[in-house]
N, C-alpha and C. Protein backbone atom coordinates (compact mmCIF):
# COMPACT_ATOMS: atom_id res chain seq x y z
N UNK A 1 0.76 -1.12 0.10
CA UNK A 1 -0.10 0.09 0.17
C UNK A 1 1.16 1.31 0.20
N UNK A 2 0.29 2.00 -0.55
CA UNK A 2 1.57 3.27 -1.09
C UNK A 2 0.68 4.49 0.47
N UNK A 3 1.50 5.50 -0.11
CA UNK A 3 1.13 6.84 0.90
C UNK A 3 0.13 7.34 0.51
N UNK A 4 -0.36 8.21 1.51
CA UNK A 4 -2.01 9.06 1.10
C UNK A 4 -1.45 9.60 -0.30
N UNK A 5 -0.34 10.39 -0.23
CA UNK A 5 0.15 11.14 -1.60
C UNK A 5 0.01 10.40 -3.11
N UNK A 6 0.96 9.47 -2.36
CA UNK A 6 0.61 8.10 -3.99
C UNK A 6 -0.83 7.64 -3.91
N UNK A 7 -1.94 7.79 -3.14
CA UNK A 7 -3.37 7.75 -3.63
C UNK A 7 -3.90 8.51 -4.39
N UNK A 8 -3.58 9.76 -3.78
CA UNK A 8 -4.32 11.06 -4.35
C UNK A 8 -3.81 10.88 -5.83
N UNK A 9 -2.25 10.60 -5.89
CA UNK A 9 -2.28 10.43 -7.36
C UNK A 9 -2.70 9.93 -8.37
N UNK A 10 -2.89 9.12 -8.23
CA UNK A 10 -3.23 7.83 -8.76
C UNK A 10 -5.06 8.14 -8.95
N UNK A 11 -5.75 8.67 -8.21
CA UNK A 11 -6.98 9.11 -8.02
C UNK A 11 -7.21 10.17 -8.59
N UNK A 12 -6.57 11.16 -8.45
CA UNK A 12 -6.46 12.76 -8.60
C UNK A 12 -6.41 13.12 -9.91
N UNK A 13 -5.31 12.78 -10.88
CA UNK A 13 -5.04 13.05 -11.79
C UNK A 13 -6.14 12.24 -12.84
N UNK A 14 -6.80 11.51 -12.55
CA UNK A 14 -7.78 10.85 -13.65
C UNK A 14 -9.32 11.61 -13.24
N UNK A 15 -9.27 11.98 -12.20
CA UNK A 15 -10.48 12.65 -11.62
C UNK A 15 -10.37 14.35 -12.53
N UNK A 16 -9.36 14.62 -12.37
CA UNK A 16 -8.90 15.84 -13.02
C UNK A 16 -9.19 15.44 -14.32
N UNK A 17 -8.51 14.77 -14.96
CA UNK A 17 -8.76 14.58 -16.52
C UNK A 17 -10.43 14.50 -17.05
N UNK A 18 -11.04 13.91 -15.90
CA UNK A 18 -12.72 13.61 -16.43
C UNK A 18 -13.23 14.52 -16.24
N UNK A 19 -12.76 15.49 -15.02
CA UNK A 19 -13.75 17.07 -15.32
C UNK A 19 -13.60 17.68 -16.26
N UNK A 20 -12.06 17.96 -16.67
CA UNK A 20 -12.03 18.88 -17.69
C UNK A 20 -12.42 18.09 -19.30
N UNK A 21 -12.83 16.74 -19.56
CA UNK A 21 -13.33 16.32 -20.68
C UNK A 21 -14.93 16.46 -20.24
N UNK A 22 -15.58 16.27 -19.55
CA UNK A 22 -17.06 16.78 -18.95
C UNK A 22 -17.31 18.45 -18.77
N UNK A 23 -16.30 19.04 -18.58
CA UNK A 23 -16.99 20.47 -18.69
C UNK A 23 -16.82 21.00 -19.73
N UNK A 24 -16.14 20.58 -21.08
CA UNK A 24 -16.65 20.89 -22.36
C UNK A 24 -15.57 22.09 -22.92
N UNK A 25 -15.99 22.35 -24.05
CA UNK A 25 -14.75 23.65 -24.50
C UNK A 25 -15.18 24.90 -23.90
N UNK A 26 -14.39 25.86 -23.61
CA UNK A 26 -15.03 27.17 -23.40
C UNK A 26 -15.87 27.52 -22.12
N UNK A 27 -15.29 26.49 -20.84
CA UNK A 27 -15.65 26.38 -19.33
C UNK A 27 -14.69 27.14 -18.97
N UNK A 28 -13.54 27.40 -18.94
CA UNK A 28 -12.77 27.80 -18.07
C UNK A 28 -12.82 29.64 -18.29
N UNK A 29 -12.65 30.18 -17.30
CA UNK A 29 -12.73 31.80 -17.32
C UNK A 29 -11.85 32.36 -16.57
N UNK A 30 -10.86 32.65 -16.97
CA UNK A 30 -9.46 32.77 -16.24
C UNK A 30 -9.97 34.26 -15.54
N UNK A 31 -9.19 34.59 -14.53
CA UNK A 31 -9.56 35.74 -13.46
C UNK A 31 -9.06 36.95 -14.36
N UNK A 32 -8.39 37.28 -14.82
CA UNK A 32 -8.27 38.39 -15.77
C UNK A 32 -8.87 38.53 -16.73
N UNK A 33 -9.61 37.84 -17.22
CA UNK A 33 -10.64 38.02 -18.48
C UNK A 33 -9.92 37.31 -19.65
N UNK A 34 -10.85 36.47 -20.48
CA UNK A 34 -10.39 35.34 -21.32
C UNK A 34 -11.29 36.51 -22.72
N UNK A 35 -10.81 36.39 -23.90
CA UNK A 35 -11.28 36.84 -25.12
C UNK A 35 -12.10 35.41 -25.54
N UNK A 36 -13.56 35.85 -26.14
CA UNK A 36 -14.60 34.84 -26.76
C UNK A 36 -15.08 35.19 -27.66
N UNK A 37 -15.43 34.70 -28.59
CA UNK A 37 -16.61 34.92 -29.56
C UNK A 37 -17.90 34.67 -29.14
N UNK A 38 -18.51 35.73 -29.01
CA UNK A 38 -19.90 35.83 -28.53
C UNK A 38 -21.04 36.35 -29.72
N UNK A 39 -22.07 36.24 -29.41
CA UNK A 39 -23.37 36.62 -30.34
C UNK A 39 -24.09 36.88 -29.52
N UNK A 40 -25.67 37.08 -30.03
CA UNK A 40 -26.39 37.58 -28.89
C UNK A 40 -27.60 36.91 -29.99
N UNK A 41 -29.19 36.85 -28.79
CA UNK A 41 -30.14 36.34 -29.23
C UNK A 41 -31.33 37.14 -28.72
N UNK A 42 -32.56 37.31 -29.55
CA UNK A 42 -33.56 37.95 -28.54
C UNK A 42 -34.96 37.43 -28.90
N UNK A 43 -35.63 38.24 -29.71
CA UNK A 43 -37.49 37.86 -29.72
C UNK A 43 -37.85 36.82 -30.05
N UNK A 44 -36.93 35.85 -30.84
CA UNK A 44 -37.15 34.67 -31.26
C UNK A 44 -37.55 33.56 -30.39
N UNK A 45 -36.79 34.24 -29.12
CA UNK A 45 -37.08 33.04 -27.98
C UNK A 45 -37.96 33.42 -26.70
N UNK A 46 -38.43 34.77 -27.04
CA UNK A 46 -39.03 35.23 -25.89
C UNK A 46 -40.02 34.54 -25.51
N UNK A 47 -40.40 34.16 -24.11
CA UNK A 47 -41.43 33.90 -23.45
C UNK A 47 -41.07 32.66 -23.09
N UNK A 48 -39.87 31.66 -23.80
CA UNK A 48 -39.92 30.48 -24.07
C UNK A 48 -39.01 29.77 -23.10
N UNK A 49 -39.05 28.72 -22.83
CA UNK A 49 -37.72 28.24 -21.32
C UNK A 49 -36.43 28.04 -21.27
N UNK A 50 -35.49 28.70 -20.88
CA UNK A 50 -34.18 28.54 -21.09
C UNK A 50 -34.27 27.25 -20.57
N UNK A 51 -32.54 26.46 -20.40
CA UNK A 51 -32.29 25.15 -20.08
C UNK A 51 -32.41 25.17 -18.33
N UNK A 52 -32.17 26.64 -17.99
CA UNK A 52 -32.20 26.73 -16.28
C UNK A 52 -34.02 26.61 -16.18
N UNK A 53 -35.03 26.94 -16.68
CA UNK A 53 -36.25 26.40 -16.43
C UNK A 53 -36.84 28.12 -16.71
N UNK A 54 -35.82 28.97 -16.71
CA UNK A 54 -36.62 30.40 -16.50
C UNK A 54 -37.25 30.77 -17.73
N UNK A 55 -38.23 31.40 -17.95
CA UNK A 55 -38.32 32.45 -18.72
C UNK A 55 -37.82 32.98 -19.53
N UNK A 56 -37.70 32.82 -20.95
CA UNK A 56 -36.35 34.00 -21.31
C UNK A 56 -36.98 35.35 -21.64
N UNK A 57 -36.15 36.85 -20.98
CA UNK A 57 -36.26 37.80 -21.33
C UNK A 57 -35.49 38.62 -22.29
N UNK A 58 -35.62 38.51 -23.31
CA UNK A 58 -34.47 39.27 -24.46
C UNK A 58 -33.79 40.70 -23.70
N UNK A 59 -34.71 41.37 -22.75
CA UNK A 59 -34.28 42.49 -22.15
C UNK A 59 -33.16 42.17 -21.19
N UNK A 60 -33.83 41.07 -20.37
CA UNK A 60 -32.54 40.97 -19.38
C UNK A 60 -31.24 40.58 -19.71
N UNK A 61 -30.18 40.69 -18.75
CA UNK A 61 -29.01 40.52 -18.58
C UNK A 61 -28.66 39.10 -18.23
N UNK A 62 -28.76 38.34 -19.50
CA UNK A 62 -28.60 37.02 -18.90
C UNK A 62 -27.36 36.54 -20.13
N UNK A 63 -26.79 35.10 -20.01
CA UNK A 63 -26.57 34.52 -21.26
C UNK A 63 -26.38 32.98 -20.82
N UNK A 64 -26.04 32.28 -22.29
CA UNK A 64 -26.30 31.05 -22.45
C UNK A 64 -24.42 30.68 -22.62
N UNK A 65 -24.39 29.56 -22.19
CA UNK A 65 -22.70 28.71 -22.13
C UNK A 65 -23.14 27.63 -22.03
N UNK A 66 -21.94 26.83 -22.56
CA UNK A 66 -22.53 25.12 -22.65
C UNK A 66 -22.06 24.88 -21.26
N UNK A 67 -21.53 24.83 -20.48
CA UNK A 67 -20.96 24.40 -19.54
C UNK A 67 -20.67 25.11 -18.06
N UNK A 68 -20.67 26.28 -17.94
CA UNK A 68 -20.51 27.28 -16.81
C UNK A 68 -22.17 26.73 -16.04
N UNK A 69 -21.86 26.72 -14.43
CA UNK A 69 -22.98 26.11 -13.74
C UNK A 69 -24.17 27.47 -14.08
N UNK A 70 -25.43 27.17 -14.04
CA UNK A 70 -26.22 27.93 -14.02
C UNK A 70 -26.12 28.97 -12.94
N UNK A 71 -26.88 30.34 -13.04
CA UNK A 71 -26.22 31.66 -12.16
C UNK A 71 -25.04 31.75 -11.71
N UNK A 72 -24.01 31.33 -12.80
CA UNK A 72 -22.56 31.79 -13.29
C UNK A 72 -22.75 33.43 -13.31
N UNK A 73 -22.10 34.42 -12.49
CA UNK A 73 -21.93 35.68 -13.17
C UNK A 73 -20.63 36.16 -13.56
N UNK A 74 -20.91 36.49 -14.64
CA UNK A 74 -19.79 36.91 -15.58
C UNK A 74 -19.90 38.31 -15.74
N UNK A 75 -18.58 39.19 -15.97
CA UNK A 75 -18.69 40.34 -16.32
C UNK A 75 -18.06 40.41 -18.29
N UNK A 76 -18.61 40.87 -19.14
CA UNK A 76 -18.76 40.74 -20.25
C UNK A 76 -18.14 42.17 -21.03
N UNK A 77 -17.31 42.31 -21.54
CA UNK A 77 -16.97 43.45 -22.08
C UNK A 77 -16.58 43.75 -23.62
N UNK A 78 -16.90 44.67 -23.80
CA UNK A 78 -16.87 44.86 -25.59
C UNK A 78 -15.39 45.71 -25.63
N UNK A 79 -14.40 45.25 -26.45
CA UNK A 79 -13.25 46.10 -26.24
C UNK A 79 -13.26 47.23 -27.25
N UNK A 80 -14.26 46.86 -28.11
CA UNK A 80 -14.37 48.33 -28.97
C UNK A 80 -15.12 49.11 -28.84
N UNK A 81 -16.08 49.47 -27.56
CA UNK A 81 -16.52 50.34 -27.11
C UNK A 81 -15.72 50.90 -25.48
N UNK A 82 -15.56 49.75 -24.93
CA UNK A 82 -15.06 49.94 -23.64
C UNK A 82 -15.90 49.62 -22.41
N UNK A 83 -17.50 49.12 -23.38
CA UNK A 83 -18.80 49.53 -22.35
C UNK A 83 -18.85 47.74 -21.81
N UNK A 84 -19.08 47.52 -20.52
CA UNK A 84 -18.98 46.08 -19.79
C UNK A 84 -20.21 46.08 -19.00
N UNK A 85 -20.78 44.61 -18.86
CA UNK A 85 -21.93 44.61 -18.36
C UNK A 85 -22.15 42.79 -17.35
N UNK A 86 -22.69 42.99 -16.44
CA UNK A 86 -22.73 41.79 -15.55
C UNK A 86 -23.64 40.98 -16.32
N UNK A 87 -23.75 39.58 -16.42
CA UNK A 87 -24.73 38.75 -17.02
C UNK A 87 -24.67 37.52 -15.88
N UNK A 88 -25.68 36.81 -16.02
CA UNK A 88 -25.68 35.67 -15.22
C UNK A 88 -26.17 34.49 -16.28
N UNK A 89 -25.36 33.80 -16.09
CA UNK A 89 -25.90 32.04 -16.54
C UNK A 89 -27.05 31.80 -16.17
N UNK A 90 -28.02 31.53 -17.61
CA UNK A 90 -29.36 30.84 -17.17
C UNK A 90 -29.55 30.05 -18.44
N UNK A 91 -28.60 29.49 -19.20
CA UNK A 91 -29.11 28.89 -20.48
C UNK A 91 -27.95 28.34 -21.36
N UNK A 92 -28.08 27.47 -22.18
CA UNK A 92 -27.19 26.21 -22.54
C UNK A 92 -26.58 26.87 -24.11
N UNK A 93 -25.64 27.18 -24.61
CA UNK A 93 -25.67 27.46 -25.66
C UNK A 93 -24.04 28.32 -25.65
N UNK A 94 -23.66 28.57 -26.70
CA UNK A 94 -24.14 28.29 -28.31
C UNK A 94 -23.58 26.74 -28.66
N UNK A 95 -24.10 26.55 -29.65
CA UNK A 95 -24.18 25.44 -30.36
C UNK A 95 -23.56 25.59 -31.64
N UNK A 96 -23.10 26.64 -31.86
CA UNK A 96 -22.48 26.97 -33.20
C UNK A 96 -20.84 26.99 -33.02
N UNK A 97 -19.78 26.44 -33.93
CA UNK A 97 -18.69 26.15 -33.88
C UNK A 97 -17.91 27.25 -33.80
N UNK A 98 -17.39 27.54 -33.10
CA UNK A 98 -16.16 28.98 -32.96
C UNK A 98 -16.79 30.06 -31.74
N UNK A 99 -17.98 29.99 -31.17
CA UNK A 99 -18.99 30.57 -30.54
C UNK A 99 -18.82 29.93 -29.13
N UNK A 100 -18.42 30.97 -28.19
CA UNK A 100 -18.37 30.66 -26.69
C UNK A 100 -19.60 31.23 -25.60
N UNK A 101 -20.45 31.96 -26.42
CA UNK A 101 -21.44 33.04 -25.40
C UNK A 101 -22.34 33.22 -26.33
N UNK A 102 -23.43 33.43 -25.78
CA UNK A 102 -25.02 33.82 -26.01
C UNK A 102 -25.27 35.15 -25.31
N UNK A 103 -25.51 35.96 -25.63
CA UNK A 103 -25.78 36.96 -24.56
C UNK A 103 -27.34 37.24 -25.41
N UNK A 104 -27.93 37.86 -24.09
CA UNK A 104 -29.65 38.47 -24.40
C UNK A 104 -29.19 39.78 -25.20
N UNK A 105 -30.29 39.98 -25.95
CA UNK A 105 -30.35 41.42 -26.41
C UNK A 105 -29.94 42.73 -25.79
N UNK A 106 -30.68 42.19 -24.67
CA UNK A 106 -30.24 43.34 -23.66
C UNK A 106 -28.91 43.62 -23.04
N UNK A 107 -28.30 42.62 -23.31
CA UNK A 107 -27.06 42.78 -22.68
C UNK A 107 -25.83 42.79 -23.51
N UNK A 108 -26.21 42.63 -24.81
CA UNK A 108 -25.54 42.92 -26.21
C UNK A 108 -25.33 44.63 -26.64
N UNK A 109 -27.06 44.94 -26.27
CA UNK A 109 -27.26 46.37 -26.57
C UNK A 109 -26.32 47.33 -25.25
N UNK A 110 -26.51 46.51 -23.92
CA UNK A 110 -25.94 47.52 -23.27
C UNK A 110 -24.08 47.73 -23.16
N UNK A 111 -23.41 46.51 -24.22
CA UNK A 111 -22.20 46.96 -24.80
C UNK A 111 -21.90 47.83 -25.73
N UNK A 112 -22.95 47.81 -26.34
CA UNK A 112 -22.73 48.21 -27.87
C UNK A 112 -22.20 47.05 -28.66
N UNK A 113 -22.90 45.98 -28.50
CA UNK A 113 -22.64 44.51 -29.28
C UNK A 113 -23.72 44.74 -30.57
N UNK A 114 -23.24 44.93 -31.85
CA UNK A 114 -24.62 44.73 -32.56
C UNK A 114 -24.72 43.23 -33.61
N UNK A 115 -23.53 42.43 -33.63
CA UNK A 115 -23.25 41.16 -34.18
C UNK A 115 -22.08 40.37 -33.50
N UNK A 116 -22.03 39.00 -34.33
CA UNK A 116 -20.88 38.79 -33.40
C UNK A 116 -19.63 39.07 -33.47
N UNK A 117 -18.99 39.21 -32.32
CA UNK A 117 -17.77 39.84 -32.02
C UNK A 117 -17.13 38.91 -31.05
N UNK A 118 -15.98 39.60 -30.73
CA UNK A 118 -14.62 39.14 -29.93
C UNK A 118 -15.08 40.11 -28.26
N UNK A 119 -15.31 39.15 -27.28
CA UNK A 119 -15.38 39.87 -26.18
C UNK A 119 -14.83 39.96 -25.02
N UNK A 120 -14.47 40.52 -23.98
CA UNK A 120 -13.84 39.96 -23.08
C UNK A 120 -14.55 39.06 -22.12
N UNK A 121 -13.97 38.01 -20.85
CA UNK A 121 -15.45 37.66 -20.03
C UNK A 121 -14.60 37.07 -19.02
N UNK A 122 -14.75 37.40 -17.94
CA UNK A 122 -14.35 37.13 -16.58
C UNK A 122 -15.58 37.09 -15.46
N UNK A 123 -15.14 36.38 -14.91
CA UNK A 123 -16.14 36.08 -13.14
C UNK A 123 -16.59 37.06 -12.71
N UNK A 124 -17.77 37.36 -11.84
CA UNK A 124 -17.95 38.75 -11.36
C UNK A 124 -17.12 38.57 -10.13
């Protein structure tokens, strides 16, 4: 039988790898901010339920992310305008390759985002 450190290394590394696999792409949000491609969505989903069960409000300050826990607060900044907004993850997506975040129309407007672009994201 090995030491507890040996056991941790045998069990810990596979668990860490499993977490990274299950977390999926775009999960990591660095403390200093990550540059990600984002888009927005609005009236086409008004009143429908999000993956968290909430009714979608296009004017709210919410976001969809593939793997961050529901309720996660993110500070999203538009480097073109210098504006930022706090959003809460309440949905899953985007499911388009190359995109990491879907903002509600209200959040996109607040930072002056009119189309798909690169934004800076960090946890609140």
